[in-house]
Protein backbone atom coordinates (compact mmCIF):
# COMPACT_ATOMS: atom_id res chain seq x y z
CA TYR A 1 -13.12 -4.63 -8.24
CA VAL A 2 -9.52 -4.65 -10.36
CA VAL A 3 -6.14 -4.40 -9.02
CA MET A 4 -3.18 -3.18 -10.05
CA PRO A 5 -0.02 -2.44 -9.72
CA ASN A 6 0.02 0.98 -8.28
CA HIS A 7 -3.54 1.38 -7.71
CA VAL A 8 -7.43 -0.41 -7.66
CA HIS A 9 -10.97 0.23 -8.48
CA VAL A 10 -13.86 -0.82 -7.18
CA LEU A 11 -16.98 0.12 -8.10
CA ALA A 12 -19.28 0.65 -4.83
CA SER A 13 -22.47 1.71 -3.70
CA PHE A 14 -23.38 2.87 -0.03
CA HIS A 15 -26.31 2.50 1.84
CA LYS A 16 -27.96 6.72 2.74
CA GLY A 17 -26.20 8.23 5.28
CA TYR A 18 -23.19 5.82 5.19
CA SER A 19 -20.12 8.68 4.13
CA MET A 20 -18.11 7.87 0.38
CA LEU A 21 -15.12 9.17 1.83
CA LYS A 22 -15.51 7.02 5.77
CA GLN A 23 -15.50 4.56 3.83
CA CYS A 24 -12.58 4.55 0.97
CA PHE A 25 -10.44 5.76 4.75
CA GLY A 26 -12.22 2.38 6.81
CA TRP A 27 -10.48 0.85 3.30
CA LYS A 28 -7.01 2.32 2.84
CA HIS A 29 -6.73 2.24 6.87
CA PHE A 30 -7.53 -1.36 6.95
CA GLN A 31 -4.99 -2.11 3.75
CA ALA A 32 -2.33 -0.13 5.24
CA ARG A 33 -1.72 -2.30 8.74
CA GLN A 34 -2.55 -5.39 6.84
CA ILE A 35 0.26 -4.70 3.64
CA ASN A 36 2.73 -3.02 6.75
CA LYS A 37 1.96 -6.59 8.86
CA LEU A 38 3.15 -8.51 5.76
CA LEU A 39 6.55 -6.52 4.97
CA GLY A 40 7.25 -6.04 9.58
CA THR A 41 6.71 -1.82 8.79
CA SER A 42 4.57 1.36 9.97
CA GLY A 43 3.72 4.80 8.54
CA SER A 44 0.65 5.86 5.64
CA LEU A 45 0.88 3.56 2.21
CA PHE A 46 -1.74 5.79 0.27
CA GLN A 47 -2.61 9.13 -0.53
CA ALA A 48 -4.81 11.04 1.00
CA GLU A 49 -7.23 12.20 -1.92
CA SER A 50 -9.02 9.50 -3.53
CA LEU A 51 -10.08 9.76 -6.79
CA ASP A 52 -13.94 9.24 -7.57
CA HIS A 53 -16.60 9.67 -9.93
CA LEU A 54 -20.74 9.85 -9.06
CA VAL A 55 -23.09 6.69 -10.80
CA ARG A 56 -25.64 8.80 -12.16
CA ASP A 57 -27.66 6.69 -13.97
CA GLN A 58 -27.42 3.28 -16.00
CA ASN A 59 -24.88 4.26 -18.72
CA TYR A 60 -22.53 5.59 -16.59
CA PHE A 61 -22.37 2.46 -14.60
CA TRP A 62 -22.22 0.16 -17.78
CA LYS A 63 -19.31 2.56 -18.18
CA PHE A 64 -17.22 2.30 -15.30
CA CYS A 65 -17.41 -1.29 -15.60
CA ASP A 66 -15.82 -1.30 -19.27
CA TYR A 67 -13.68 0.64 -18.29
CA ILE A 68 -12.08 -0.86 -14.74
CA ALA A 69 -12.56 -3.95 -16.83
CA ASP A 70 -10.34 -2.73 -19.25
CA ASN A 71 -7.80 -0.91 -18.00
CA PRO A 72 -5.65 -3.74 -16.68
CA VAL A 73 -5.64 -4.76 -20.57
CA LYS A 74 -4.54 -1.15 -22.00
CA ALA A 75 -1.88 -1.68 -19.33
CA LYS A 76 -0.71 -4.79 -20.76
CA LEU A 77 -1.26 -6.93 -17.49
CA LYS A 78 -1.65 -10.56 -17.77
CA ASP A 79 -4.05 -12.07 -16.40
């Protein structure tokens, strides 16, 4: 995964029977609770929707790996 200032990129696989939608909700819920706890705040932090792509083959896999790795470079973020 790569954390950007306003979003995160995650390349993940799921066991059969697991819902990507439920998993993303779980990640967002957990992170929102942790961030709110640190900031002493409450409430929603993330948009309800997520942008997802299905990796259909090895070429797509490497395409997304490159995209995720290049994203901070394109945004001119430091290591």
